[in-house]
Amino acid sequence: MISGADKPIVRIENWSVVSSVVFAGYRSLEPGQRLVGDVFGHKSLSDGFILTSVILSIDPVTGLVETANTVYQLGKVNQDYGRWASMQEKADAA
């Protein structure tokens, strides 16, 4: 559940999930991880690539992801990350 009603909502495209800037692998979309991708419409940052602060909450129905200062509207997923996530889902189902 997203609680950040007073936070700006910013669109993020070509996104994926990582644990930190120094970790080269992907992670599942869950609290404690970080989004990376291309942001558009942030009030204090130029449009472009970003590594977010830690994810606090996720609303899978609306595609909103809350971090410390911002709520991100998930757009198109990074293709490589999408393939990775799909393989993880299949492995979990097996």
PDB file of N, CA and C in Angstrom:
ATOM      1  N   MET A   1       0.843  -1.190   0.000  1.00  0.00           N
ATOM      2  CA  MET A   1       0.000   0.000   0.000  1.00  0.00           C
ATOM      3  C   MET A   1       0.883   1.247   0.000  1.00  0.00           C
ATOM      4  N   ILE A   2       0.555   2.178  -0.850  1.00  0.00           N
ATOM      5  CA  ILE A   2       1.331   3.412  -0.974  1.00  0.00           C
ATOM      6  C   ILE A   2       0.776   4.444   0.005  1.00  0.00           C
ATOM      7  N   SER A   3       1.649   4.979   0.856  1.00  0.00           N
ATOM      8  CA  SER A   3       1.211   5.959   1.848  1.00  0.00           C
ATOM      9  C   SER A   3       1.672   7.372   1.520  1.00  0.00           C
ATOM     10  N   GLY A   4       2.430   7.536   0.441  1.00  0.00           N
ATOM     11  CA  GLY A   4       3.059   8.818   0.123  1.00  0.00           C
ATOM     12  C   GLY A   4       2.190   9.789  -0.637  1.00  0.00           C
ATOM     13  N   ALA A   5       1.029  10.144  -0.101  1.00  0.00           N
ATOM     14  CA  ALA A   5       0.115  11.053  -0.791  1.00  0.00           C
ATOM     15  C   ALA A   5       0.732  12.429  -1.030  1.00  0.00           C
ATOM     16  N   ASP A   6       1.674  12.845  -0.190  1.00  0.00           N
ATOM     17  CA  ASP A   6       2.288  14.166  -0.335  1.00  0.00           C
ATOM     18  C   ASP A   6       3.570  14.134  -1.167  1.00  0.00           C
ATOM     19  N   LYS A   7       3.929  12.973  -1.684  1.00  0.00           N
ATOM     20  CA  LYS A   7       5.143  12.838  -2.494  1.00  0.00           C
ATOM     21  C   LYS A   7       4.815  13.010  -3.975  1.00  0.00           C
ATOM     22  N   PRO A   8       5.764  13.549  -4.747  1.00  0.00           N
ATOM     23  CA  PRO A   8       5.525  13.672  -6.192  1.00  0.00           C
ATOM     24  C   PRO A   8       5.464  12.286  -6.841  1.00  0.00           C
ATOM     25  N   ILE A   9       4.673  12.174  -7.900  1.00  0.00           N
ATOM     26  CA  ILE A   9       4.604  10.950  -8.682  1.00  0.00           C
ATOM     27  C   ILE A   9       5.382  11.180  -9.971  1.00  0.00           C
ATOM     28  N   VAL A  10       6.362  10.315 -10.215  1.00  0.00           N
ATOM     29  CA  VAL A  10       7.272  10.454 -11.334  1.00  0.00           C
ATOM     30  C   VAL A  10       7.226   9.159 -12.153  1.00  0.00           C
ATOM     31  N   ARG A  11       7.165   9.285 -13.454  1.00  0.00           N
ATOM     32  CA  ARG A  11       7.140   8.115 -14.341  1.00  0.00           C
ATOM     33  C   ARG A  11       8.559   7.572 -14.514  1.00  0.00           C
ATOM     34  N   ILE A  12       8.695   6.233 -14.442  1.00  0.00           N
ATOM     35  CA  ILE A  12       9.986   5.581 -14.686  1.00  0.00           C
ATOM     36  C   ILE A  12       9.805   4.538 -15.773  1.00  0.00           C
ATOM     37  N   GLU A  13      10.637   4.645 -16.799  1.00  0.00           N
ATOM     38  CA  GLU A  13      10.596   3.756 -17.963  1.00  0.00           C
ATOM     39  C   GLU A  13      11.890   2.952 -18.026  1.00  0.00           C
ATOM     40  N   ASN A  14      11.840   1.852 -18.788  1.00  0.00           N
ATOM     41  CA  ASN A  14      13.015   1.009 -18.972  1.00  0.00           C
ATOM     42  C   ASN A  14      13.620   0.643 -17.614  1.00  0.00           C
ATOM     43  N   TRP A  15      12.751   0.287 -16.679  1.00  0.00           N
ATOM     44  CA  TRP A  15      13.172   0.076 -15.302  1.00  0.00           C
ATOM     45  C   TRP A  15      13.538  -1.376 -15.018  1.00  0.00           C
ATOM     46  N   SER A  16      14.364  -1.515 -13.997  1.00  0.00           N
ATOM     47  CA  SER A  16      14.716  -2.816 -13.447  1.00  0.00           C
ATOM     48  C   SER A  16      14.952  -2.621 -11.953  1.00  0.00           C
ATOM     49  N   VAL A  17      15.221  -3.721 -11.253  1.00  0.00           N
ATOM     50  CA  VAL A  17      15.381  -3.670  -9.802  1.00  0.00           C
ATOM     51  C   VAL A  17      16.743  -4.241  -9.437  1.00  0.00           C
ATOM     52  N   VAL A  18      17.479  -3.508  -8.605  1.00  0.00           N
ATOM     53  CA  VAL A  18      18.786  -3.929  -8.114  1.00  0.00           C
ATOM     54  C   VAL A  18      18.833  -3.684  -6.609  1.00  0.00           C
ATOM     55  N   SER A  19      19.871  -4.236  -5.965  1.00  0.00           N
ATOM     56  CA  SER A  19      19.993  -4.003  -4.525  1.00  0.00           C
ATOM     57  C   SER A  19      20.821  -2.763  -4.225  1.00  0.00           C
ATOM     58  N   SER A  20      21.777  -2.451  -5.109  1.00  0.00           N
ATOM     59  CA  SER A  20      22.616  -1.269  -4.914  1.00  0.00           C
ATOM     60  C   SER A  20      23.354  -0.956  -6.206  1.00  0.00           C
ATOM     61  N   VAL A  21      24.041   0.149  -6.216  1.00  0.00           N
ATOM     62  CA  VAL A  21      24.780   0.559  -7.406  1.00  0.00           C
ATOM     63  C   VAL A  21      25.981  -0.359  -7.657  1.00  0.00           C
ATOM     64  N   VAL A  22      26.495  -1.011  -6.636  1.00  0.00           N
ATOM     65  CA  VAL A  22      27.670  -1.866  -6.804  1.00  0.00           C
ATOM     66  C   VAL A  22      27.306  -3.315  -7.108  1.00  0.00           C
ATOM     67  N   PHE A  23      26.045  -3.688  -6.997  1.00  0.00           N
ATOM     68  CA  PHE A  23      25.622  -5.051  -7.293  1.00  0.00           C
ATOM     69  C   PHE A  23      25.163  -5.126  -8.739  1.00  0.00           C
ATOM     70  N   ALA A  24      25.733  -6.024  -9.518  1.00  0.00           N
ATOM     71  CA  ALA A  24      25.455  -6.075 -10.951  1.00  0.00           C
ATOM     72  C   ALA A  24      24.257  -6.943 -11.326  1.00  0.00           C
ATOM     73  N   GLY A  25      23.663  -7.663 -10.392  1.00  0.00           N
ATOM     74  CA  GLY A  25      22.556  -8.552 -10.721  1.00  0.00           C
ATOM     75  C   GLY A  25      21.202  -7.949 -10.410  1.00  0.00           C
ATOM     76  N   TYR A  26      20.175  -8.581 -10.952  1.00  0.00           N
ATOM     77  CA  TYR A  26      18.807  -8.130 -10.724  1.00  0.00           C
ATOM     78  C   TYR A  26      18.252  -8.697  -9.421  1.00  0.00           C
ATOM     79  N   ARG A  27      17.219  -8.057  -8.925  1.00  0.00           N
ATOM     80  CA  ARG A  27      16.492  -8.478  -7.727  1.00  0.00           C
ATOM     81  C   ARG A  27      15.001  -8.434  -8.017  1.00  0.00           C
ATOM     82  N   SER A  28      14.234  -9.092  -7.186  1.00  0.00           N
ATOM     83  CA  SER A  28      12.772  -9.053  -7.301  1.00  0.00           C
ATOM     84  C   SER A  28      12.260  -7.690  -6.871  1.00  0.00           C
ATOM     85  N   LEU A  29      11.117  -7.295  -7.436  1.00  0.00           N
ATOM     86  CA  LEU A  29      10.488  -6.024  -7.078  1.00  0.00           C
ATOM     87  C   LEU A  29       9.861  -6.185  -5.706  1.00  0.00           C
ATOM     88  N   GLU A  30      10.541  -5.661  -4.679  1.00  0.00           N
ATOM     89  CA  GLU A  30      10.077  -5.784  -3.304  1.00  0.00           C
ATOM     90  C   GLU A  30      10.717  -4.699  -2.451  1.00  0.00           C
ATOM     91  N   PRO A  31      10.111  -4.390  -1.307  1.00  0.00           N
ATOM     92  CA  PRO A  31      10.713  -3.400  -0.410  1.00  0.00           C
ATOM     93  C   PRO A  31      12.144  -3.788  -0.044  1.00  0.00           C
ATOM     94  N   GLY A  32      12.980  -2.768   0.105  1.00  0.00           N
ATOM     95  CA  GLY A  32      14.376  -2.979   0.439  1.00  0.00           C
ATOM     96  C   GLY A  32      15.301  -2.956  -0.768  1.00  0.00           C
ATOM     97  N   GLN A  33      14.741  -3.046  -1.967  1.00  0.00           N
ATOM     98  CA  GLN A  33      15.530  -2.994  -3.196  1.00  0.00           C
ATOM     99  C   GLN A  33      15.448  -1.579  -3.781  1.00  0.00           C
ATOM    100  N   ARG A  34      16.038  -1.367  -4.949  1.00  0.00           N
ATOM    101  CA  ARG A  34      16.038  -0.047  -5.605  1.00  0.00           C
ATOM    102  C   ARG A  34      15.650  -0.193  -7.066  1.00  0.00           C
ATOM    103  N   LEU A  35      14.988   0.832  -7.586  1.00  0.00           N
ATOM    104  CA  LEU A  35      14.691   0.899  -9.012  1.00  0.00           C
ATOM    105  C   LEU A  35      15.829   1.615  -9.725  1.00  0.00           C
ATOM    106  N   VAL A  36      16.110   1.193 -10.944  1.00  0.00           N
ATOM    107  CA  VAL A  36      16.970   1.948 -11.855  1.00  0.00           C
ATOM    108  C   VAL A  36      16.198   2.085 -13.149  1.00  0.00           C
ATOM    109  N   GLY A  37      16.368   3.205 -13.817  1.00  0.00           N
ATOM    110  CA  GLY A  37      15.675   3.413 -15.074  1.00  0.00           C
ATOM    111  C   GLY A  37      15.703   4.861 -15.487  1.00  0.00           C
ATOM    112  N   ASP A  38      14.880   5.182 -16.464  1.00  0.00           N
ATOM    113  CA  ASP A  38      14.800   6.537 -17.007  1.00  0.00           C
ATOM    114  C   ASP A  38      13.564   7.225 -16.442  1.00  0.00           C
ATOM    115  N   VAL A  39      13.766   8.342 -15.742  1.00  0.00           N
ATOM    116  CA  VAL A  39      12.649   9.063 -15.130  1.00  0.00           C
ATOM    117  C   VAL A  39      12.271  10.284 -15.944  1.00  0.00           C
ATOM    118  N   PHE A  40      10.993  10.616 -15.853  1.00  0.00           N
ATOM    119  CA  PHE A  40      10.442  11.769 -16.562  1.00  0.00           C
ATOM    120  C   PHE A  40       9.495  12.513 -15.635  1.00  0.00           C
ATOM    121  N   GLY A  41       9.659  13.824 -15.558  1.00  0.00           N
ATOM    122  CA  GLY A  41       8.738  14.648 -14.800  1.00  0.00           C
ATOM    123  C   GLY A  41       9.093  14.867 -13.348  1.00  0.00           C
ATOM    124  N   HIS A  42      10.338  14.602 -12.962  1.00  0.00           N
ATOM    125  CA  HIS A  42      10.760  14.844 -11.582  1.00  0.00           C
ATOM    126  C   HIS A  42      10.974  16.342 -11.407  1.00  0.00           C
ATOM    127  N   LYS A  43      10.454  16.911 -10.336  1.00  0.00           N
ATOM    128  CA  LYS A  43      10.524  18.362 -10.133  1.00  0.00           C
ATOM    129  C   LYS A  43      11.932  18.881  -9.885  1.00  0.00           C
ATOM    130  N   SER A  44      12.778  18.087  -9.221  1.00  0.00           N
ATOM    131  CA  SER A  44      14.101  18.604  -8.878  1.00  0.00           C
ATOM    132  C   SER A  44      15.249  17.931  -9.628  1.00  0.00           C
ATOM    133  N   LEU A  45      14.940  16.958 -10.493  1.00  0.00           N
ATOM    134  CA  LEU A  45      15.976  16.290 -11.285  1.00  0.00           C
ATOM    135  C   LEU A  45      15.639  16.374 -12.764  1.00  0.00           C
ATOM    136  N   SER A  46      16.668  16.424 -13.582  1.00  0.00           N
ATOM    137  CA  SER A  46      16.452  16.406 -15.028  1.00  0.00           C
ATOM    138  C   SER A  46      15.974  15.029 -15.449  1.00  0.00           C
ATOM    139  N   ASP A  47      15.225  14.980 -16.544  1.00  0.00           N
ATOM    140  CA  ASP A  47      14.829  13.694 -17.100  1.00  0.00           C
ATOM    141  C   ASP A  47      16.085  12.904 -17.430  1.00  0.00           C
ATOM    142  N   GLY A  48      16.071  11.608 -17.130  1.00  0.00           N
ATOM    143  CA  GLY A  48      17.222  10.769 -17.433  1.00  0.00           C
ATOM    144  C   GLY A  48      17.346   9.619 -16.468  1.00  0.00           C
ATOM    145  N   PHE A  49      18.497   8.974 -16.477  1.00  0.00           N
ATOM    146  CA  PHE A  49      18.747   7.764 -15.691  1.00  0.00           C
ATOM    147  C   PHE A  49      18.801   8.067 -14.200  1.00  0.00           C
ATOM    148  N   ILE A  50      18.263   7.127 -13.399  1.00  0.00           N
ATOM    149  CA  ILE A  50      18.266   7.298 -11.950  1.00  0.00           C
ATOM    150  C   ILE A  50      18.411   5.955 -11.256  1.00  0.00           C
ATOM    151  N   LEU A  51      19.039   5.973 -10.099  1.00  0.00           N
ATOM    152  CA  LEU A  51      19.030   4.884  -9.126  1.00  0.00           C
ATOM    153  C   LEU A  51      18.272   5.443  -7.942  1.00  0.00           C
ATOM    154  N   THR A  52      17.137   4.849  -7.604  1.00  0.00           N
ATOM    155  CA  THR A  52      16.297   5.410  -6.554  1.00  0.00           C
ATOM    156  C   THR A  52      16.829   5.060  -5.173  1.00  0.00           C
ATOM    157  N   SER A  53      16.261   5.709  -4.180  1.00  0.00           N
ATOM    158  CA  SER A  53      16.494   5.277  -2.811  1.00  0.00           C
ATOM    159  C   SER A  53      15.733   3.958  -2.608  1.00  0.00           C
ATOM    160  N   VAL A  54      15.856   3.378  -1.453  1.00  0.00           N
ATOM    161  CA  VAL A  54      15.279   2.065  -1.169  1.00  0.00           C
ATOM    162  C   VAL A  54      13.753   2.089  -1.302  1.00  0.00           C
ATOM    163  N   ILE A  55      13.214   1.042  -1.907  1.00  0.00           N
ATOM    164  CA  ILE A  55      11.766   0.893  -2.056  1.00  0.00           C
ATOM    165  C   ILE A  55      11.133   0.647  -0.688  1.00  0.00           C
ATOM    166  N   LEU A  56      10.093   1.436  -0.382  1.00  0.00           N
ATOM    167  CA  LEU A  56       9.365   1.281   0.877  1.00  0.00           C
ATOM    168  C   LEU A  56       8.114   0.433   0.712  1.00  0.00           C
ATOM    169  N   SER A  57       7.383   0.665  -0.387  1.00  0.00           N
ATOM    170  CA  SER A  57       6.152  -0.091  -0.614  1.00  0.00           C
ATOM    171  C   SER A  57       5.835  -0.128  -2.100  1.00  0.00           C
ATOM    172  N   ILE A  58       4.993  -1.103  -2.461  1.00  0.00           N
ATOM    173  CA  ILE A  58       4.631  -1.330  -3.855  1.00  0.00           C
ATOM    174  C   ILE A  58       3.144  -1.596  -3.926  1.00  0.00           C
ATOM    175  N   ASP A  59       2.469  -0.986  -4.899  1.00  0.00           N
ATOM    176  CA  ASP A  59       1.071  -1.290  -5.177  1.00  0.00           C
ATOM    177  C   ASP A  59       1.033  -1.950  -6.553  1.00  0.00           C
ATOM    178  N   PRO A  60       0.965  -3.287  -6.598  1.00  0.00           N
ATOM    179  CA  PRO A  60       1.017  -3.975  -7.888  1.00  0.00           C
ATOM    180  C   PRO A  60      -0.192  -3.701  -8.780  1.00  0.00           C
ATOM    181  N   VAL A  61      -1.300  -3.301  -8.194  1.00  0.00           N
ATOM    182  CA  VAL A  61      -2.506  -3.018  -8.987  1.00  0.00           C
ATOM    183  C   VAL A  61      -2.327  -1.731  -9.790  1.00  0.00           C
ATOM    184  N   THR A  62      -1.809  -0.697  -9.167  1.00  0.00           N
ATOM    185  CA  THR A  62      -1.642   0.591  -9.842  1.00  0.00           C
ATOM    186  C   THR A  62      -0.263   0.762 -10.471  1.00  0.00           C
ATOM    187  N   GLY A  63       0.702  -0.099 -10.097  1.00  0.00           N
ATOM    188  CA  GLY A  63       2.060   0.040 -10.600  1.00  0.00           C
ATOM    189  C   GLY A  63       2.808   1.187  -9.964  1.00  0.00           C
ATOM    190  N   LEU A  64       2.440   1.537  -8.731  1.00  0.00           N
ATOM    191  CA  LEU A  64       3.125   2.607  -8.017  1.00  0.00           C
ATOM    192  C   LEU A  64       4.124   2.019  -7.034  1.00  0.00           C
ATOM    193  N   VAL A  65       5.317   2.625  -6.991  1.00  0.00           N
ATOM    194  CA  VAL A  65       6.379   2.185  -6.098  1.00  0.00           C
ATOM    195  C   VAL A  65       6.828   3.390  -5.283  1.00  0.00           C
ATOM    196  N   GLU A  66       6.769   3.272  -3.966  1.00  0.00           N
ATOM    197  CA  GLU A  66       7.126   4.383  -3.082  1.00  0.00           C
ATOM    198  C   GLU A  66       8.542   4.227  -2.550  1.00  0.00           C
ATOM    199  N   THR A  67       9.301   5.336  -2.607  1.00  0.00           N
ATOM    200  CA  THR A  67      10.615   5.413  -1.976  1.00  0.00           C
ATOM    201  C   THR A  67      10.551   6.534  -0.938  1.00  0.00           C
ATOM    202  N   ALA A  68      11.681   6.911  -0.366  1.00  0.00           N
ATOM    203  CA  ALA A  68      11.699   7.894   0.711  1.00  0.00           C
ATOM    204  C   ALA A  68      11.058   9.229   0.328  1.00  0.00           C
ATOM    205  N   ASN A  69      11.329   9.711  -0.880  1.00  0.00           N
ATOM    206  CA  ASN A  69      10.872  11.043  -1.258  1.00  0.00           C
ATOM    207  C   ASN A  69       9.937  11.089  -2.457  1.00  0.00           C
ATOM    208  N   THR A  70       9.756   9.968  -3.141  1.00  0.00           N
ATOM    209  CA  THR A  70       9.058   9.973  -4.415  1.00  0.00           C
ATOM    210  C   THR A  70       8.214   8.712  -4.571  1.00  0.00           C
ATOM    211  N   VAL A  71       7.149   8.833  -5.349  1.00  0.00           N
ATOM    212  CA  VAL A  71       6.360   7.684  -5.786  1.00  0.00           C
ATOM    213  C   VAL A  71       6.592   7.550  -7.283  1.00  0.00           C
ATOM    214  N   TYR A  72       7.001   6.364  -7.711  1.00  0.00           N
ATOM    215  CA  TYR A  72       7.286   6.111  -9.123  1.00  0.00           C
ATOM    216  C   TYR A  72       6.151   5.334  -9.759  1.00  0.00           C
ATOM    217  N   GLN A  73       5.702   5.811 -10.917  1.00  0.00           N
ATOM    218  CA  GLN A  73       4.717   5.104 -11.730  1.00  0.00           C
ATOM    219  C   GLN A  73       5.498   4.247 -12.705  1.00  0.00           C
ATOM    220  N   LEU A  74       5.370   2.928 -12.576  1.00  0.00           N
ATOM    221  CA  LEU A  74       6.116   2.033 -13.450  1.00  0.00           C
ATOM    222  C   LEU A  74       5.589   2.103 -14.874  1.00  0.00           C
ATOM    223  N   GLY A  75       6.496   2.323 -15.802  1.00  0.00           N
ATOM    224  CA  GLY A  75       6.172   2.281 -17.217  1.00  0.00           C
ATOM    225  C   GLY A  75       6.658   0.964 -17.786  1.00  0.00           C
ATOM    226  N   LYS A  76       7.258   1.009 -18.965  1.00  0.00           N
ATOM    227  CA  LYS A  76       7.764  -0.215 -19.590  1.00  0.00           C
ATOM    228  C   LYS A  76       8.985  -0.727 -18.839  1.00  0.00           C
ATOM    229  N   VAL A  77       8.996  -2.029 -18.633  1.00  0.00           N
ATOM    230  CA  VAL A  77      10.098  -2.684 -17.942  1.00  0.00           C
ATOM    231  C   VAL A  77      11.284  -2.838 -18.897  1.00  0.00           C
ATOM    232  N   ASN A  78      12.489  -2.845 -18.375  1.00  0.00           N
ATOM    233  CA  ASN A  78      13.688  -3.143 -19.147  1.00  0.00           C
ATOM    234  C   ASN A  78      13.550  -4.564 -19.681  1.00  0.00           C
ATOM    235  N   GLN A  79      13.822  -4.769 -20.969  1.00  0.00           N
ATOM    236  CA  GLN A  79      13.618  -6.077 -21.591  1.00  0.00           C
ATOM    237  C   GLN A  79      14.439  -7.179 -20.926  1.00  0.00           C
ATOM    238  N   ASP A  80      15.694  -6.907 -20.622  1.00  0.00           N
ATOM    239  CA  ASP A  80      16.529  -7.909 -19.966  1.00  0.00           C
ATOM    240  C   ASP A  80      15.983  -8.256 -18.584  1.00  0.00           C
ATOM    241  N   TYR A  81      15.554  -7.238 -17.855  1.00  0.00           N
ATOM    242  CA  TYR A  81      14.987  -7.486 -16.534  1.00  0.00           C
ATOM    243  C   TYR A  81      13.685  -8.280 -16.656  1.00  0.00           C
ATOM    244  N   GLY A  82      12.877  -7.960 -17.641  1.00  0.00           N
ATOM    245  CA  GLY A  82      11.620  -8.681 -17.850  1.00  0.00           C
ATOM    246  C   GLY A  82      11.857 -10.163 -18.109  1.00  0.00           C
ATOM    247  N   ARG A  83      12.871 -10.483 -18.907  1.00  0.00           N
ATOM    248  CA  ARG A  83      13.221 -11.883 -19.167  1.00  0.00           C
ATOM    249  C   ARG A  83      13.702 -12.551 -17.881  1.00  0.00           C
ATOM    250  N   TRP A  84      14.542 -11.846 -17.124  1.00  0.00           N
ATOM    251  CA  TRP A  84      15.047 -12.387 -15.860  1.00  0.00           C
ATOM    252  C   TRP A  84      13.891 -12.669 -14.905  1.00  0.00           C
ATOM    253  N   ALA A  85      12.975 -11.702 -14.755  1.00  0.00           N
ATOM    254  CA  ALA A  85      11.841 -11.862 -13.839  1.00  0.00           C
ATOM    255  C   ALA A  85      10.959 -13.027 -14.269  1.00  0.00           C
ATOM    256  N   SER A  86      10.759 -13.187 -15.562  1.00  0.00           N
ATOM    257  CA  SER A  86       9.953 -14.293 -16.074  1.00  0.00           C
ATOM    258  C   SER A  86      10.600 -15.638 -15.751  1.00  0.00           C
ATOM    259  N   MET A  87      11.904 -15.727 -15.903  1.00  0.00           N
ATOM    260  CA  MET A  87      12.613 -16.962 -15.568  1.00  0.00           C
ATOM    261  C   MET A  87      12.532 -17.246 -14.064  1.00  0.00           C
ATOM    262  N   GLN A  88      12.573 -16.198 -13.241  1.00  0.00           N
ATOM    263  CA  GLN A  88      12.444 -16.390 -11.794  1.00  0.00           C
ATOM    264  C   GLN A  88      11.068 -16.931 -11.425  1.00  0.00           C
ATOM    265  N   GLU A  89      10.029 -16.394 -12.074  1.00  0.00           N
ATOM    266  CA  GLU A  89       8.664 -16.859 -11.810  1.00  0.00           C
ATOM    267  C   GLU A  89       8.513 -18.327 -12.186  1.00  0.00           C
ATOM    268  N   LYS A  90       9.077 -18.709 -13.334  1.00  0.00           N
ATOM    269  CA  LYS A  90       8.999 -20.116 -13.762  1.00  0.00           C
ATOM    270  C   LYS A  90       9.748 -21.015 -12.795  1.00  0.00           C
ATOM    271  N   ALA A  91      10.908 -20.586 -12.317  1.00  0.00           N
ATOM    272  CA  ALA A  91      11.692 -21.383 -11.375  1.00  0.00           C
ATOM    273  C   ALA A  91      10.956 -21.526 -10.050  1.00  0.00           C
ATOM    274  N   ASP A  92      10.296 -20.448  -9.606  1.00  0.00           N
ATOM    275  CA  ASP A  92       9.536 -20.500  -8.351  1.00  0.00           C
ATOM    276  C   ASP A  92       8.337 -21.420  -8.455  1.00  0.00           C
ATOM    277  N   ALA A  93       7.738 -21.507  -9.649  1.00  0.00           N
ATOM    278  CA  ALA A  93       6.554 -22.340  -9.860  1.00  0.00           C
ATOM    279  C   ALA A  93       6.916 -23.820  -9.950  1.00  0.00           C
ATOM    280  N   ALA A  94       8.161 -24.104 -10.294  1.00  0.00           N
ATOM    281  CA  ALA A  94       8.579 -25.514 -10.466  1.00  0.00           C
ATOM    282  C   ALA A  94       8.808 -26.214  -9.143  1.00  0.00           C
TER     283      ALA A  94
END
